[in-house]
Amino acid sequence: MSGDLNAQGGERDLLQVSLSALEHYTYCPRQCGLILLEDSFTDDAATVRGTLLHQHVDTPGNRGRGAVRTVHALPVWHDGHGLTGICDTVELHADGTVLPVEHKSGRYHPAGPADVQVAAQAMCLEHMFKTPVAEAAVYSGTDRRRHTVLVDAALRTRVLQTANAVRDLLGAAHTLAPPATDSRCRRCSMATGCMPKLLAATGRYQQALNDLYVIDTTQDDDE
């Protein structure tokens, strides 16, 4: 882990980490490396649905509804924590409450990657608006409802730990080997390019390399 969590902010120059990278790393560090280091991304039906959803909610602008003003596609940042990104939706309530709402096309998974992403949004909004943001929300297109996320101390620590892990990944400039395959691989649009079943089985991978590159030791060096 690179350095401390920089909880106070401003202690050191931090490489800026995008909020989307936090979600990718939380889901799978190898997926994050493929995207950030190898500029590799593959769409599937789920990612296309997500893109279409975000085209609807990410149109910049704001509008009022009663005592709530809603802002879309709001750029956010936290210089002290080295975080930057865009909030899908931010609700500004008359009582001073600031609520980030992250939109996902799929099903909501409690304590999953979306929680880390939206908590980072909350931390950025606290920094920008100089007001506590204790809750956030994730809207699930599959569930067709919002899920409240408590932005507590444990989740904030998780955000900062993940940000530092992403910096370590970028500093090493080396994509991590895939872990043992699990249910994440079945849901990942990048599974074909990642080849987790082949690369996670290091013995099979090494044998494939040996079969591909066979050194002919019978050749005379003088020939």
Protein backbone atom coordinates (compact mmCIF):
# COMPACT_ATOMS: atom_id res chain seq x y z
CA MET A 1 0.00 0.00 0.00
CA SER A 2 1.45 3.33 -1.03
CA GLY A 3 1.85 5.68 1.91
CA ASP A 4 -0.83 6.34 4.48
CA LEU A 5 -4.51 6.93 3.84
CA ASN A 6 -3.96 10.69 3.76
CA ALA A 7 -7.01 11.15 5.93
CA GLN A 8 -6.19 14.78 6.63
CA GLY A 9 -5.53 15.63 2.99
CA GLY A 10 -2.82 17.82 1.56
CA GLU A 11 0.03 15.81 3.09
CA ARG A 12 1.50 14.74 -0.23
CA ASP A 13 0.96 15.19 -3.94
CA LEU A 14 -1.46 12.49 -4.99
CA LEU A 15 -1.98 11.01 -8.40
CA GLN A 16 -5.58 11.76 -9.29
CA VAL A 17 -7.80 8.68 -9.27
CA SER A 18 -11.10 8.69 -11.13
CA LEU A 19 -14.22 7.63 -9.27
CA SER A 20 -14.97 5.07 -11.99
CA ALA A 21 -11.54 3.49 -11.40
CA LEU A 22 -12.51 2.92 -7.77
CA GLU A 23 -15.55 0.95 -8.91
CA HIS A 24 -13.55 -1.07 -11.45
CA TYR A 25 -10.82 -1.92 -8.91
CA THR A 26 -13.35 -2.92 -6.26
CA TYR A 27 -15.06 -5.23 -8.74
CA CYS A 28 -11.78 -6.75 -9.98
CA PRO A 29 -8.23 -5.33 -9.80
CA ARG A 30 -7.33 -7.06 -13.07
CA GLN A 31 -10.29 -5.45 -14.84
CA CYS A 32 -9.11 -2.06 -13.57
CA GLY A 33 -5.59 -2.74 -14.84
CA LEU A 34 -6.80 -3.78 -18.28
CA ILE A 35 -8.78 -0.55 -18.58
CA LEU A 36 -6.20 1.87 -17.16
CA LEU A 37 -2.94 0.30 -18.35
CA GLU A 38 -3.92 -1.42 -21.58
CA ASP A 39 -6.77 0.88 -22.67
CA SER A 40 -8.88 -2.22 -23.07
CA PHE A 41 -12.64 -2.21 -22.72
CA THR A 42 -15.30 -4.43 -24.24
CA ASP A 43 -19.02 -3.76 -24.33
CA ASP A 44 -21.75 -6.31 -23.79
CA ALA A 45 -25.50 -6.00 -23.39
CA ALA A 46 -25.18 -4.87 -19.76
CA THR A 47 -22.61 -2.16 -20.47
CA VAL A 48 -24.64 -0.88 -23.43
CA ARG A 49 -27.71 -0.64 -21.19
CA GLY A 50 -25.59 1.28 -18.70
CA THR A 51 -24.34 3.64 -21.41
CA LEU A 52 -27.89 4.34 -22.58
CA LEU A 53 -29.00 4.97 -19.00
CA HIS A 54 -26.16 7.42 -18.42
CA GLN A 55 -26.89 9.23 -21.67
CA HIS A 56 -30.27 10.01 -20.15
CA VAL A 57 -29.11 11.09 -16.70
CA ASP A 58 -25.71 12.60 -17.58
CA THR A 59 -26.99 15.52 -19.66
CA PRO A 60 -25.45 18.55 -17.89
CA GLY A 61 -27.91 20.90 -16.26
CA ASN A 62 -30.13 21.39 -13.24
CA ARG A 63 -33.80 21.64 -12.51
CA GLY A 64 -36.00 22.26 -9.50
CA ARG A 65 -38.75 20.08 -8.06
CA GLY A 66 -40.42 21.50 -4.98
CA ALA A 67 -37.76 21.93 -2.29
CA VAL A 68 -35.16 19.90 -4.22
CA ARG A 69 -32.83 21.10 -6.96
CA THR A 70 -31.36 18.32 -9.06
CA VAL A 71 -28.01 18.72 -10.83
CA HIS A 72 -26.89 16.26 -13.52
CA ALA A 73 -23.37 15.39 -14.71
CA LEU A 74 -21.71 17.46 -11.98
CA PRO A 75 -17.87 17.40 -12.05
CA VAL A 76 -16.49 16.76 -8.54
CA TRP A 77 -13.07 16.46 -6.96
CA HIS A 78 -11.20 16.26 -3.67
CA ASP A 79 -7.66 17.61 -3.91
CA GLY A 80 -6.66 16.30 -0.49
CA HIS A 81 -7.66 12.72 -1.32
CA GLY A 82 -6.69 12.89 -4.99
CA LEU A 83 -10.16 12.00 -6.29
CA THR A 84 -11.93 13.30 -9.37
CA GLY A 85 -14.95 12.36 -11.43
CA ILE A 86 -18.52 13.17 -12.38
CA CYS A 87 -21.68 12.58 -10.37
CA ASP A 88 -24.65 11.26 -12.33
CA THR A 89 -27.10 13.17 -10.15
CA VAL A 90 -26.78 15.40 -7.10
CA GLU A 91 -29.84 16.51 -5.18
CA LEU A 92 -29.60 19.79 -3.26
CA HIS A 93 -32.35 19.92 -0.65
CA ALA A 94 -33.78 23.05 0.95
CA ASP A 95 -32.60 21.93 4.40
CA GLY A 96 -28.99 21.87 3.17
CA THR A 97 -28.81 18.12 2.52
CA VAL A 98 -26.58 17.16 -0.40
CA LEU A 99 -27.34 13.72 -1.83
CA PRO A 100 -25.32 12.07 -4.63
CA VAL A 101 -27.25 9.46 -6.63
CA GLU A 102 -25.32 6.95 -8.76
CA HIS A 103 -27.33 5.25 -11.51
CA LYS A 104 -26.68 1.61 -12.38
CA SER A 105 -28.54 -0.45 -14.98
CA GLY A 106 -28.02 -3.75 -13.17
CA ARG A 107 -29.05 -5.14 -9.82
CA TYR A 108 -27.76 -3.49 -6.64
CA HIS A 109 -25.28 -5.47 -4.54
CA PRO A 110 -24.98 -4.20 -0.93
CA ALA A 111 -21.42 -3.23 0.04
CA GLY A 112 -20.40 -3.70 -3.59
CA PRO A 113 -18.41 -1.52 -6.01
CA ALA A 114 -21.22 1.01 -6.45
CA ASP A 115 -21.11 1.80 -2.72
CA VAL A 116 -17.41 2.68 -2.96
CA GLN A 117 -18.00 4.87 -6.01
CA VAL A 118 -20.93 6.81 -4.57
CA ALA A 119 -19.20 7.20 -1.17
CA ALA A 120 -16.25 8.79 -2.99
CA GLN A 121 -18.73 11.15 -4.64
CA ALA A 122 -20.05 12.07 -1.20
CA MET A 123 -16.54 12.79 0.06
CA CYS A 124 -15.87 15.04 -2.93
CA LEU A 125 -19.14 16.90 -2.41
CA GLU A 126 -18.29 17.44 1.27
CA HIS A 127 -15.01 19.00 0.17
CA MET A 128 -16.67 21.23 -2.43
CA PHE A 129 -19.79 22.31 -0.52
CA LYS A 130 -18.14 22.42 2.92
CA THR A 131 -20.99 20.44 4.44
CA PRO A 132 -21.30 16.89 5.78
CA VAL A 133 -22.66 14.28 3.36
CA ALA A 134 -23.60 11.32 5.52
CA GLU A 135 -25.72 9.42 3.00
CA ALA A 136 -25.72 8.63 -0.70
CA ALA A 137 -27.94 6.57 -2.96
CA VAL A 138 -27.58 4.03 -5.76
CA TYR A 139 -30.46 3.76 -8.21
CA SER A 140 -30.77 0.29 -9.74
CA GLY A 141 -32.47 0.06 -13.14
CA THR A 142 -33.12 -3.63 -12.58
CA ASP A 143 -34.60 -3.13 -9.10
CA ARG A 144 -36.28 0.12 -10.22
CA ARG A 145 -35.60 1.80 -6.92
CA ARG A 146 -33.00 3.64 -4.89
CA HIS A 147 -30.83 2.01 -2.28
CA THR A 148 -29.53 4.20 0.54
CA VAL A 149 -25.80 4.00 1.30
CA LEU A 150 -24.53 5.11 4.71
CA VAL A 151 -21.23 6.92 4.18
CA ASP A 152 -19.71 5.91 7.49
CA ALA A 153 -16.10 5.79 8.68
CA ALA A 154 -15.55 2.22 7.49
CA LEU A 155 -16.74 2.99 3.97
CA ARG A 156 -14.64 6.19 3.82
CA THR A 157 -11.56 4.19 4.82
CA ARG A 158 -12.39 1.67 2.11
CA VAL A 159 -12.55 4.48 -0.47
CA LEU A 160 -9.10 5.79 0.49
CA GLN A 161 -7.58 2.31 0.61
CA THR A 162 -8.95 1.56 -2.83
CA ALA A 163 -7.64 4.86 -4.21
CA ASN A 164 -4.16 4.03 -2.93
CA ALA A 165 -4.42 0.53 -4.42
CA VAL A 166 -5.23 2.07 -7.81
CA ARG A 167 -2.18 4.34 -7.47
CA ASP A 168 -0.02 1.30 -6.69
CA LEU A 169 -1.40 -0.39 -9.79
CA LEU A 170 -0.60 2.62 -11.96
CA GLY A 171 2.84 2.98 -10.40
CA ALA A 172 3.71 -0.63 -11.05
CA ALA A 173 2.43 -0.31 -14.64
CA HIS A 174 1.75 -4.03 -14.58
CA THR A 175 -1.64 -5.64 -15.03
CA LEU A 176 -2.36 -8.13 -12.28
CA ALA A 177 -2.80 -11.79 -13.06
CA PRO A 178 -6.42 -12.96 -12.87
CA PRO A 179 -7.61 -14.59 -9.66
CA ALA A 180 -9.38 -17.91 -9.64
CA THR A 181 -12.50 -17.58 -11.78
CA ASP A 182 -15.77 -16.90 -9.98
CA SER A 183 -19.20 -15.38 -10.60
CA ARG A 184 -17.67 -11.98 -11.39
CA CYS A 185 -16.12 -13.39 -14.55
CA ARG A 186 -19.51 -14.52 -15.85
CA ARG A 187 -20.87 -10.98 -15.42
CA CYS A 188 -17.78 -9.21 -16.83
CA SER A 189 -17.88 -7.88 -20.38
CA MET A 190 -14.08 -8.22 -20.57
CA ALA A 191 -13.91 -11.92 -19.80
CA THR A 192 -12.99 -12.86 -23.39
CA GLY A 193 -9.96 -10.57 -23.50
CA CYS A 194 -9.00 -11.29 -19.90
CA MET A 195 -9.03 -15.08 -20.44
CA PRO A 196 -9.35 -15.85 -16.70
CA LYS A 197 -9.86 -19.59 -17.10
CA LEU A 198 -6.61 -19.92 -19.03
CA LEU A 199 -4.40 -17.40 -17.23
CA ALA A 200 -5.57 -18.25 -13.70
CA ALA A 201 -4.47 -21.84 -14.29
CA THR A 202 -0.77 -20.98 -14.40
CA GLY A 203 0.28 -24.55 -15.14
CA ARG A 204 -1.89 -24.74 -18.24
CA TYR A 205 -0.73 -21.28 -19.33
CA GLN A 206 2.93 -22.19 -18.97
CA GLN A 207 2.38 -25.42 -20.89
CA ALA A 208 0.67 -23.45 -23.67
CA LEU A 209 3.70 -21.17 -23.88
CA ASN A 210 6.06 -24.12 -23.97
CA ASP A 211 4.04 -25.73 -26.75
CA LEU A 212 3.96 -22.48 -28.71
CA TYR A 213 7.66 -21.67 -28.43
CA VAL A 214 9.65 -24.86 -28.83
CA ILE A 215 13.42 -24.39 -28.81
CA ASP A 216 15.21 -26.68 -31.22
CA THR A 217 18.42 -27.65 -29.43
CA THR A 218 19.56 -29.92 -32.29
CA GLN A 219 20.52 -27.02 -34.53
CA ASP A 220 24.25 -26.39 -34.90
CA ASP A 221 25.20 -22.89 -33.70
CA ASP A 222 27.65 -22.58 -36.60
CA GLU A 223 24.98 -23.09 -39.24
